[in-house]
PDB file of all heavy atoms in Angstrom:
ATOM      1  N   LEU A   1     -41.807  16.239 -24.676  1.00  0.00           N
ATOM      2  CA  LEU A   1     -41.285  16.321 -23.316  1.00  0.00           C
ATOM      3  C   LEU A   1     -39.790  16.566 -23.361  1.00  0.00           C
ATOM      4  O   LEU A   1     -39.079  16.021 -24.239  1.00  0.00           O
ATOM      5  CB  LEU A   1     -41.583  15.003 -22.571  1.00  0.00           C
ATOM      6  CG  LEU A   1     -43.038  14.609 -22.448  1.00  0.00           C
ATOM      7  CD1 LEU A   1     -43.185  13.274 -21.707  1.00  0.00           C
ATOM      8  CD2 LEU A   1     -43.850  15.690 -21.772  1.00  0.00           C
ATOM      9  N   TYR A   2     -39.271  17.339 -22.400  1.00  0.00           N
ATOM     10  CA  TYR A   2     -37.894  17.787 -22.463  1.00  0.00           C
ATOM     11  C   TYR A   2     -37.175  17.548 -21.078  1.00  0.00           C
ATOM     12  O   TYR A   2     -36.842  18.515 -20.388  1.00  0.00           O
ATOM     13  CB  TYR A   2     -37.784  19.245 -22.838  1.00  0.00           C
ATOM     14  CG  TYR A   2     -38.333  19.540 -24.242  1.00  0.00           C
ATOM     15  CD1 TYR A   2     -39.627  20.023 -24.393  1.00  0.00           C
ATOM     16  CD2 TYR A   2     -37.540  19.342 -25.339  1.00  0.00           C
ATOM     17  CE1 TYR A   2     -40.092  20.289 -25.670  1.00  0.00           C
ATOM     18  CE2 TYR A   2     -38.031  19.622 -26.643  1.00  0.00           C
ATOM     19  CZ  TYR A   2     -39.292  20.085 -26.775  1.00  0.00           C
ATOM     20  OH  TYR A   2     -39.796  20.329 -28.038  1.00  0.00           O
ATOM     21  N   PRO A   3     -36.955  16.300 -20.714  1.00  0.00           N
ATOM     22  CA  PRO A   3     -36.248  16.042 -19.446  1.00  0.00           C
ATOM     23  C   PRO A   3     -34.762  16.428 -19.578  1.00  0.00           C
ATOM     24  O   PRO A   3     -34.210  16.496 -20.702  1.00  0.00           O
ATOM     25  CB  PRO A   3     -36.394  14.522 -19.279  1.00  0.00           C
ATOM     26  CG  PRO A   3     -36.522  14.004 -20.697  1.00  0.00           C
ATOM     27  CD  PRO A   3     -37.292  15.058 -21.442  1.00  0.00           C
ATOM     28  N   SER A   4     -34.131  16.666 -18.432  1.00  0.00           N
ATOM     29  CA  SER A   4     -32.719  17.030 -18.419  1.00  0.00           C
ATOM     30  C   SER A   4     -31.853  15.848 -18.032  1.00  0.00           C
ATOM     31  O   SER A   4     -32.177  15.133 -17.092  1.00  0.00           O
ATOM     32  CB  SER A   4     -32.473  18.189 -17.423  1.00  0.00           C
ATOM     33  OG  SER A   4     -31.075  18.411 -17.227  1.00  0.00           O
ATOM     34  N   ILE A   5     -30.763  15.649 -18.753  1.00  0.00           N
ATOM     35  CA  ILE A   5     -29.784  14.599 -18.418  1.00  0.00           C
ATOM     36  C   ILE A   5     -28.398  15.213 -18.297  1.00  0.00           C
ATOM     37  O   ILE A   5     -27.395  14.585 -18.634  1.00  0.00           O
ATOM     38  CB  ILE A   5     -29.819  13.451 -19.445  1.00  0.00           C
ATOM     39  CG1 ILE A   5     -29.572  13.961 -20.856  1.00  0.00           C
ATOM     40  CG2 ILE A   5     -31.141  12.699 -19.378  1.00  0.00           C
ATOM     41  CD1 ILE A   5     -29.374  12.831 -21.871  1.00  0.00           C
ATOM     42  N   TYR A   6     -28.337  16.441 -17.797  1.00  0.00           N
ATOM     43  CA  TYR A   6     -27.054  17.068 -17.526  1.00  0.00           C
ATOM     44  C   TYR A   6     -26.248  16.224 -16.544  1.00  0.00           C
ATOM     45  O   TYR A   6     -26.802  15.657 -15.616  1.00  0.00           O
ATOM     46  CB  TYR A   6     -27.244  18.476 -16.908  1.00  0.00           C
ATOM     47  CG  TYR A   6     -27.833  19.501 -17.821  1.00  0.00           C
ATOM     48  CD1 TYR A   6     -28.200  20.755 -17.328  1.00  0.00           C
ATOM     49  CD2 TYR A   6     -28.075  19.263 -19.182  1.00  0.00           C
ATOM     50  CE1 TYR A   6     -28.734  21.738 -18.143  1.00  0.00           C
ATOM     51  CE2 TYR A   6     -28.618  20.256 -19.985  1.00  0.00           C
ATOM     52  CZ  TYR A   6     -28.959  21.472 -19.468  1.00  0.00           C
ATOM     53  OH  TYR A   6     -29.516  22.401 -20.267  1.00  0.00           O
ATOM     54  N   LEU A   7     -24.934  16.220 -16.701  1.00  0.00           N
ATOM     55  CA  LEU A   7     -24.078  15.457 -15.808  1.00  0.00           C
ATOM     56  C   LEU A   7     -23.228  16.403 -14.941  1.00  0.00           C
ATOM     57  O   LEU A   7     -22.750  17.409 -15.416  1.00  0.00           O
ATOM     58  CB  LEU A   7     -23.126  14.568 -16.609  1.00  0.00           C
ATOM     59  CG  LEU A   7     -23.690  13.406 -17.423  1.00  0.00           C
ATOM     60  CD1 LEU A   7     -22.581  12.541 -17.991  1.00  0.00           C
ATOM     61  CD2 LEU A   7     -24.635  12.552 -16.569  1.00  0.00           C
ATOM     62  N   GLN A   8     -23.054  16.001 -13.699  1.00  0.00           N
ATOM     63  CA  GLN A   8     -22.081  16.651 -12.810  1.00  0.00           C
ATOM     64  C   GLN A   8     -20.765  15.880 -12.919  1.00  0.00           C
ATOM     65  O   GLN A   8     -20.748  14.701 -13.348  1.00  0.00           O
ATOM     66  CB  GLN A   8     -22.561  16.616 -11.388  1.00  0.00           C
ATOM     67  CG  GLN A   8     -23.818  17.475 -11.147  1.00  0.00           C
ATOM     68  CD  GLN A   8     -24.225  17.523  -9.711  1.00  0.00           C
ATOM     69  OE1 GLN A   8     -23.470  17.189  -8.808  1.00  0.00           O
ATOM     70  NE2 GLN A   8     -25.459  17.990  -9.460  1.00  0.00           N
ATOM     71  N   VAL A   9     -19.675  16.559 -12.610  1.00  0.00           N
ATOM     72  CA  VAL A   9     -18.375  15.950 -12.823  1.00  0.00           C
ATOM     73  C   VAL A   9     -18.174  14.700 -12.001  1.00  0.00           C
ATOM     74  O   VAL A   9     -17.360  13.802 -12.346  1.00  0.00           O
ATOM     75  CB  VAL A   9     -17.280  16.989 -12.558  1.00  0.00           C
ATOM     76  CG1 VAL A   9     -17.104  17.244 -11.031  1.00  0.00           C
ATOM     77  CG2 VAL A   9     -15.945  16.610 -13.162  1.00  0.00           C
ATOM     78  N   GLY A  10     -18.928  14.553 -10.920  1.00  0.00           N
ATOM     79  CA  GLY A  10     -18.808  13.313 -10.112  1.00  0.00           C
ATOM     80  C   GLY A  10     -19.314  12.102 -10.852  1.00  0.00           C
ATOM     81  O   GLY A  10     -19.022  10.962 -10.421  1.00  0.00           O
ATOM     82  N   LEU A  11     -20.001  12.308 -11.973  1.00  0.00           N
ATOM     83  CA  LEU A  11     -20.497  11.172 -12.758  1.00  0.00           C
ATOM     84  C   LEU A  11     -19.641  10.961 -14.030  1.00  0.00           C
ATOM     85  O   LEU A  11     -20.018  10.160 -14.900  1.00  0.00           O
ATOM     86  CB  LEU A  11     -21.948  11.426 -13.182  1.00  0.00           C
ATOM     87  CG  LEU A  11     -22.988  11.311 -12.061  1.00  0.00           C
ATOM     88  CD1 LEU A  11     -24.366  11.778 -12.528  1.00  0.00           C
ATOM     89  CD2 LEU A  11     -23.060   9.868 -11.540  1.00  0.00           C
ATOM     90  N   ALA A  12     -18.533  11.624 -14.138  1.00  0.00           N
ATOM     91  CA  ALA A  12     -17.673  11.470 -15.318  1.00  0.00           C
ATOM     92  C   ALA A  12     -17.176  10.011 -15.412  1.00  0.00           C
ATOM     93  O   ALA A  12     -16.655   9.447 -14.461  1.00  0.00           O
ATOM     94  CB  ALA A  12     -16.458  12.410 -15.206  1.00  0.00           C
ATOM     95  N   ASP A  13     -17.389   9.417 -16.595  1.00  0.00           N
ATOM     96  CA  ASP A  13     -16.948   8.036 -16.860  1.00  0.00           C
ATOM     97  C   ASP A  13     -17.398   7.087 -15.722  1.00  0.00           C
ATOM     98  O   ASP A  13     -16.685   6.204 -15.318  1.00  0.00           O
ATOM     99  CB  ASP A  13     -15.448   7.969 -17.031  1.00  0.00           C
ATOM    100  CG  ASP A  13     -14.974   8.726 -18.285  1.00  0.00           C
ATOM    101  OD1 ASP A  13     -15.546   8.424 -19.363  1.00  0.00           O
ATOM    102  OD2 ASP A  13     -14.100   9.592 -18.176  1.00  0.00           O
ATOM    103  N   ASN A  14     -18.594   7.323 -15.265  1.00  0.00           N
ATOM    104  CA  ASN A  14     -19.142   6.598 -14.135  1.00  0.00           C
ATOM    105  C   ASN A  14     -20.392   5.834 -14.593  1.00  0.00           C
ATOM    106  O   ASN A  14     -21.311   6.432 -15.144  1.00  0.00           O
ATOM    107  CB  ASN A  14     -19.493   7.578 -13.001  1.00  0.00           C
ATOM    108  CG  ASN A  14     -19.896   6.880 -11.718  1.00  0.00           C
ATOM    109  OD1 ASN A  14     -20.359   5.767 -11.693  1.00  0.00           O
ATOM    110  ND2 ASN A  14     -19.696   7.574 -10.613  1.00  0.00           N
ATOM    111  N   PRO A  15     -20.431   4.514 -14.385  1.00  0.00           N
ATOM    112  CA  PRO A  15     -21.636   3.765 -14.805  1.00  0.00           C
ATOM    113  C   PRO A  15     -22.916   4.209 -14.142  1.00  0.00           C
ATOM    114  O   PRO A  15     -23.997   3.971 -14.653  1.00  0.00           O
ATOM    115  CB  PRO A  15     -21.269   2.310 -14.426  1.00  0.00           C
ATOM    116  CG  PRO A  15     -20.174   2.414 -13.415  1.00  0.00           C
ATOM    117  CD  PRO A  15     -19.408   3.639 -13.785  1.00  0.00           C
ATOM    118  N   LYS A  16     -22.805   4.926 -13.036  1.00  0.00           N
ATOM    119  CA  LYS A  16     -24.001   5.438 -12.345  1.00  0.00           C
ATOM    120  C   LYS A  16     -24.649   6.528 -13.172  1.00  0.00           C
ATOM    121  O   LYS A  16     -25.850   6.793 -13.013  1.00  0.00           O
ATOM    122  CB  LYS A  16     -23.673   5.920 -10.952  1.00  0.00           C
ATOM    123  CG  LYS A  16     -23.306   4.794  -9.976  1.00  0.00           C
ATOM    124  CD  LYS A  16     -23.052   5.348  -8.594  1.00  0.00           C
ATOM    125  CE  LYS A  16     -22.719   4.189  -7.616  1.00  0.00           C
ATOM    126  NZ  LYS A  16     -22.462   4.662  -6.260  1.00  0.00           N
ATOM    127  N   ALA A  17     -23.905   7.155 -14.061  1.00  0.00           N
ATOM    128  CA  ALA A  17     -24.476   8.174 -14.963  1.00  0.00           C
ATOM    129  C   ALA A  17     -25.509   7.510 -15.862  1.00  0.00           C
ATOM    130  O   ALA A  17     -26.585   8.070 -16.098  1.00  0.00           O
ATOM    131  CB  ALA A  17     -23.386   8.850 -15.787  1.00  0.00           C
ATOM    132  N   ALA A  18     -25.212   6.322 -16.369  1.00  0.00           N
ATOM    133  CA  ALA A  18     -26.146   5.590 -17.207  1.00  0.00           C
ATOM    134  C   ALA A  18     -27.427   5.278 -16.417  1.00  0.00           C
ATOM    135  O   ALA A  18     -28.527   5.374 -16.984  1.00  0.00           O
ATOM    136  CB  ALA A  18     -25.518   4.321 -17.756  1.00  0.00           C
ATOM    137  N   LEU A  19     -27.299   4.914 -15.156  1.00  0.00           N
ATOM    138  CA  LEU A  19     -28.477   4.609 -14.350  1.00  0.00           C
ATOM    139  C   LEU A  19     -29.338   5.863 -14.135  1.00  0.00           C
ATOM    140  O   LEU A  19     -30.572   5.796 -14.187  1.00  0.00           O
ATOM    141  CB  LEU A  19     -28.051   4.035 -12.993  1.00  0.00           C
ATOM    142  CG  LEU A  19     -27.281   2.716 -13.006  1.00  0.00           C
ATOM    143  CD1 LEU A  19     -26.884   2.332 -11.590  1.00  0.00           C
ATOM    144  CD2 LEU A  19     -28.130   1.611 -13.633  1.00  0.00           C
ATOM    145  N   MET A  20     -28.678   6.962 -13.876  1.00  0.00           N
ATOM    146  CA  MET A  20     -29.403   8.242 -13.697  1.00  0.00           C
ATOM    147  C   MET A  20     -30.164   8.603 -14.946  1.00  0.00           C
ATOM    148  O   MET A  20     -31.366   8.861 -14.916  1.00  0.00           O
ATOM    149  CB  MET A  20     -28.423   9.344 -13.294  1.00  0.00           C
ATOM    150  CG  MET A  20     -29.094  10.668 -12.943  1.00  0.00           C
ATOM    151  SD  MET A  20     -29.307  11.745 -14.398  1.00  0.00           S
ATOM    152  CE  MET A  20     -27.636  12.356 -14.567  1.00  0.00           C
ATOM    153  N   VAL A  21     -29.448   8.623 -16.090  1.00  0.00           N
ATOM    154  CA  VAL A  21     -30.053   9.035 -17.342  1.00  0.00           C
ATOM    155  C   VAL A  21     -31.131   8.024 -17.758  1.00  0.00           C
ATOM    156  O   VAL A  21     -32.238   8.388 -18.172  1.00  0.00           O
ATOM    157  CB  VAL A  21     -28.979   9.121 -18.439  1.00  0.00           C
ATOM    158  CG1 VAL A  21     -29.612   9.318 -19.808  1.00  0.00           C
ATOM    159  CG2 VAL A  21     -28.033  10.241 -18.114  1.00  0.00           C
ATOM    160  N   ARG A  22     -30.842   6.738 -17.653  1.00  0.00           N
ATOM    161  CA  ARG A  22     -31.763   5.687 -18.077  1.00  0.00           C
ATOM    162  C   ARG A  22     -33.140   5.863 -17.425  1.00  0.00           C
ATOM    163  O   ARG A  22     -34.172   5.780 -18.085  1.00  0.00           O
ATOM    164  CB  ARG A  22     -31.146   4.333 -17.734  1.00  0.00           C
ATOM    165  CG  ARG A  22     -31.935   3.126 -18.195  1.00  0.00           C
ATOM    166  CD  ARG A  22     -31.185   1.864 -17.775  1.00  0.00           C
ATOM    167  NE  ARG A  22     -29.823   1.877 -18.360  1.00  0.00           N
ATOM    168  CZ  ARG A  22     -28.844   1.104 -17.949  1.00  0.00           C
ATOM    169  NH1 ARG A  22     -29.051   0.242 -16.958  1.00  0.00           N
ATOM    170  NH2 ARG A  22     -27.645   1.146 -18.517  1.00  0.00           N
ATOM    171  N   ASN A  23     -33.132   6.104 -16.121  1.00  0.00           N
ATOM    172  CA  ASN A  23     -34.405   6.163 -15.409  1.00  0.00           C
ATOM    173  C   ASN A  23     -35.126   7.493 -15.645  1.00  0.00           C
ATOM    174  O   ASN A  23     -36.342   7.555 -15.586  1.00  0.00           O
ATOM    175  CB  ASN A  23     -34.190   5.917 -13.938  1.00  0.00           C
ATOM    176  CG  ASN A  23     -33.915   4.441 -13.673  1.00  0.00           C
ATOM    177  OD1 ASN A  23     -34.840   3.623 -13.602  1.00  0.00           O
ATOM    178  ND2 ASN A  23     -32.640   4.036 -13.583  1.00  0.00           N
ATOM    179  N   ARG A  24     -34.360   8.584 -15.910  1.00  0.00           N
ATOM    180  CA  ARG A  24     -35.033   9.833 -16.257  1.00  0.00           C
ATOM    181  C   ARG A  24     -35.739   9.726 -17.593  1.00  0.00           C
ATOM    182  O   ARG A  24     -36.855  10.173 -17.774  1.00  0.00           O
ATOM    183  CB  ARG A  24     -34.017  10.988 -16.267  1.00  0.00           C
ATOM    184  CG  ARG A  24     -33.527  11.357 -14.884  1.00  0.00           C
ATOM    185  CD  ARG A  24     -32.699  12.611 -14.878  1.00  0.00           C
ATOM    186  NE  ARG A  24     -32.245  12.909 -13.533  1.00  0.00           N
ATOM    187  CZ  ARG A  24     -31.564  14.021 -13.197  1.00  0.00           C
ATOM    188  NH1 ARG A  24     -31.252  14.898 -14.126  1.00  0.00           N
ATOM    189  NH2 ARG A  24     -31.193  14.217 -11.930  1.00  0.00           N
ATOM    190  N   ILE A  25     -35.071   9.101 -18.559  1.00  0.00           N
ATOM    191  CA  ILE A  25     -35.682   8.942 -19.863  1.00  0.00           C
ATOM    192  C   ILE A  25     -36.856   7.965 -19.777  1.00  0.00           C
ATOM    193  O   ILE A  25     -37.923   8.194 -20.391  1.00  0.00           O
ATOM    194  CB  ILE A  25     -34.649   8.435 -20.910  1.00  0.00           C
ATOM    195  CG1 ILE A  25     -33.523   9.452 -21.060  1.00  0.00           C
ATOM    196  CG2 ILE A  25     -35.325   8.190 -22.241  1.00  0.00           C
ATOM    197  CD1 ILE A  25     -33.980  10.812 -21.577  1.00  0.00           C
ATOM    198  N   GLN A  26     -36.685   6.901 -19.021  1.00  0.00           N
ATOM    199  CA  GLN A  26     -37.747   5.918 -18.882  1.00  0.00           C
ATOM    200  C   GLN A  26     -38.975   6.532 -18.245  1.00  0.00           C
ATOM    201  O   GLN A  26     -40.136   6.258 -18.634  1.00  0.00           O
ATOM    202  CB  GLN A  26     -37.273   4.718 -18.084  1.00  0.00           C
ATOM    203  CG  GLN A  26     -38.253   3.575 -18.016  1.00  0.00           C
ATOM    204  CD  GLN A  26     -38.461   2.902 -19.360  1.00  0.00           C
ATOM    205  OE1 GLN A  26     -37.689   3.123 -20.291  1.00  0.00           O
ATOM    206  NE2 GLN A  26     -39.472   2.060 -19.440  1.00  0.00           N
ATOM    207  N   GLU A  27     -38.775   7.423 -17.281  1.00  0.00           N
ATOM    208  CA  GLU A  27     -39.905   8.093 -16.631  1.00  0.00           C
ATOM    209  C   GLU A  27     -40.586   9.032 -17.642  1.00  0.00           C
ATOM    210  O   GLU A  27     -41.829   9.121 -17.642  1.00  0.00           O
ATOM    211  CB  GLU A  27     -39.443   8.877 -15.398  1.00  0.00           C
ATOM    212  CG  GLU A  27     -40.533   9.660 -14.710  1.00  0.00           C
ATOM    213  CD  GLU A  27     -41.663   8.856 -14.103  1.00  0.00           C
ATOM    214  OE1 GLU A  27     -41.644   7.588 -14.190  1.00  0.00           O
ATOM    215  OE2 GLU A  27     -42.585   9.471 -13.509  1.00  0.00           O
ATOM    216  N   ALA A  28     -39.840   9.706 -18.460  1.00  0.00           N
ATOM    217  CA  ALA A  28     -40.420  10.564 -19.500  1.00  0.00           C
ATOM    218  C   ALA A  28     -41.242   9.750 -20.456  1.00  0.00           C
ATOM    219  O   ALA A  28     -42.331  10.147 -20.855  1.00  0.00           O
ATOM    220  CB  ALA A  28     -39.327  11.349 -20.230  1.00  0.00           C
ATOM    221  N   LEU A  29     -40.729   8.571 -20.852  1.00  0.00           N
ATOM    222  CA  LEU A  29     -41.494   7.716 -21.728  1.00  0.00           C
ATOM    223  C   LEU A  29     -42.760   7.192 -21.070  1.00  0.00           C
ATOM    224  O   LEU A  29     -43.802   7.062 -21.707  1.00  0.00           O
ATOM    225  CB  LEU A  29     -40.607   6.554 -22.208  1.00  0.00           C
ATOM    226  CG  LEU A  29     -39.407   6.929 -23.041  1.00  0.00           C
ATOM    227  CD1 LEU A  29     -38.458   5.727 -23.211  1.00  0.00           C
ATOM    228  CD2 LEU A  29     -39.845   7.448 -24.403  1.00  0.00           C
ATOM    229  N   ARG A  30     -42.661   6.937 -19.768  1.00  0.00           N
ATOM    230  CA  ARG A  30     -43.841   6.463 -19.038  1.00  0.00           C
ATOM    231  C   ARG A  30     -44.950   7.516 -19.014  1.00  0.00           C
ATOM    232  O   ARG A  30     -46.102   7.199 -19.354  1.00  0.00           O
ATOM    233  CB  ARG A  30     -43.464   6.086 -17.590  1.00  0.00           C
ATOM    234  CG  ARG A  30     -44.605   5.438 -16.795  1.00  0.00           C
ATOM    235  CD  ARG A  30     -44.235   5.282 -15.326  1.00  0.00           C
ATOM    236  NE  ARG A  30     -44.243   6.526 -14.589  1.00  0.00           N
ATOM    237  CZ  ARG A  30     -45.374   7.106 -14.093  1.00  0.00           C
ATOM    238  NH1 ARG A  30     -46.546   6.538 -14.256  1.00  0.00           N
ATOM    239  NH2 ARG A  30     -45.301   8.268 -13.438  1.00  0.00           N
ATOM    240  N   VAL A  31     -44.597   8.755 -18.646  1.00  0.00           N
ATOM    241  CA  VAL A  31     -45.639   9.769 -18.547  1.00  0.00           C
ATOM    242  C   VAL A  31     -46.148  10.167 -19.931  1.00  0.00           C
ATOM    243  O   VAL A  31     -47.303  10.650 -20.049  1.00  0.00           O
ATOM    244  CB  VAL A  31     -45.158  11.008 -17.744  1.00  0.00           C
ATOM    245  CG1 VAL A  31     -44.707  10.622 -16.350  1.00  0.00           C
ATOM    246  CG2 VAL A  31     -44.101  11.757 -18.498  1.00  0.00           C
ATOM    247  N   SER A  32     -45.335   9.995 -20.958  1.00  0.00           N
ATOM    248  CA  SER A  32     -45.819  10.332 -22.294  1.00  0.00           C
ATOM    249  C   SER A  32     -46.952   9.431 -22.716  1.00  0.00           C
ATOM    250  O   SER A  32     -47.733   9.753 -23.625  1.00  0.00           O
ATOM    251  CB  SER A  32     -44.649  10.202 -23.322  1.00  0.00           C
ATOM    252  OG  SER A  32     -44.315   8.847 -23.569  1.00  0.00           O
ATOM    253  N   ALA A  33     -47.044   8.258 -22.086  1.00  0.00           N
ATOM    254  CA  ALA A  33     -48.114   7.311 -22.395  1.00  0.00           C
ATOM    255  C   ALA A  33     -49.330   7.493 -21.545  1.00  0.00           C
ATOM    256  O   ALA A  33     -50.339   6.779 -21.751  1.00  0.00           O
ATOM    257  CB  ALA A  33     -47.563   5.879 -22.272  1.00  0.00           C
ATOM    258  N   LEU A  34     -49.286   8.377 -20.531  1.00  0.00           N
ATOM    259  CA  LEU A  34     -50.419   8.515 -19.633  1.00  0.00           C
ATOM    260  C   LEU A  34     -51.667   9.137 -20.287  1.00  0.00           C
ATOM    261  O   LEU A  34     -52.788   8.660 -20.056  1.00  0.00           O
ATOM    262  CB  LEU A  34     -50.020   9.393 -18.421  1.00  0.00           C
ATOM    263  CG  LEU A  34     -49.011   8.758 -17.436  1.00  0.00           C
ATOM    264  CD1 LEU A  34     -48.691   9.757 -16.327  1.00  0.00           C
ATOM    265  CD2 LEU A  34     -49.595   7.462 -16.836  1.00  0.00           C
TER     266      LEU A  34
END
């Protein structure tokens, strides 16, 4: 699976970037187990 975790400049040095990436990866891990 190849999810995207590209960042926009509005997320530079922003803790919300971790939230965005964390949940995208977690969703990829979830569907990999389906």
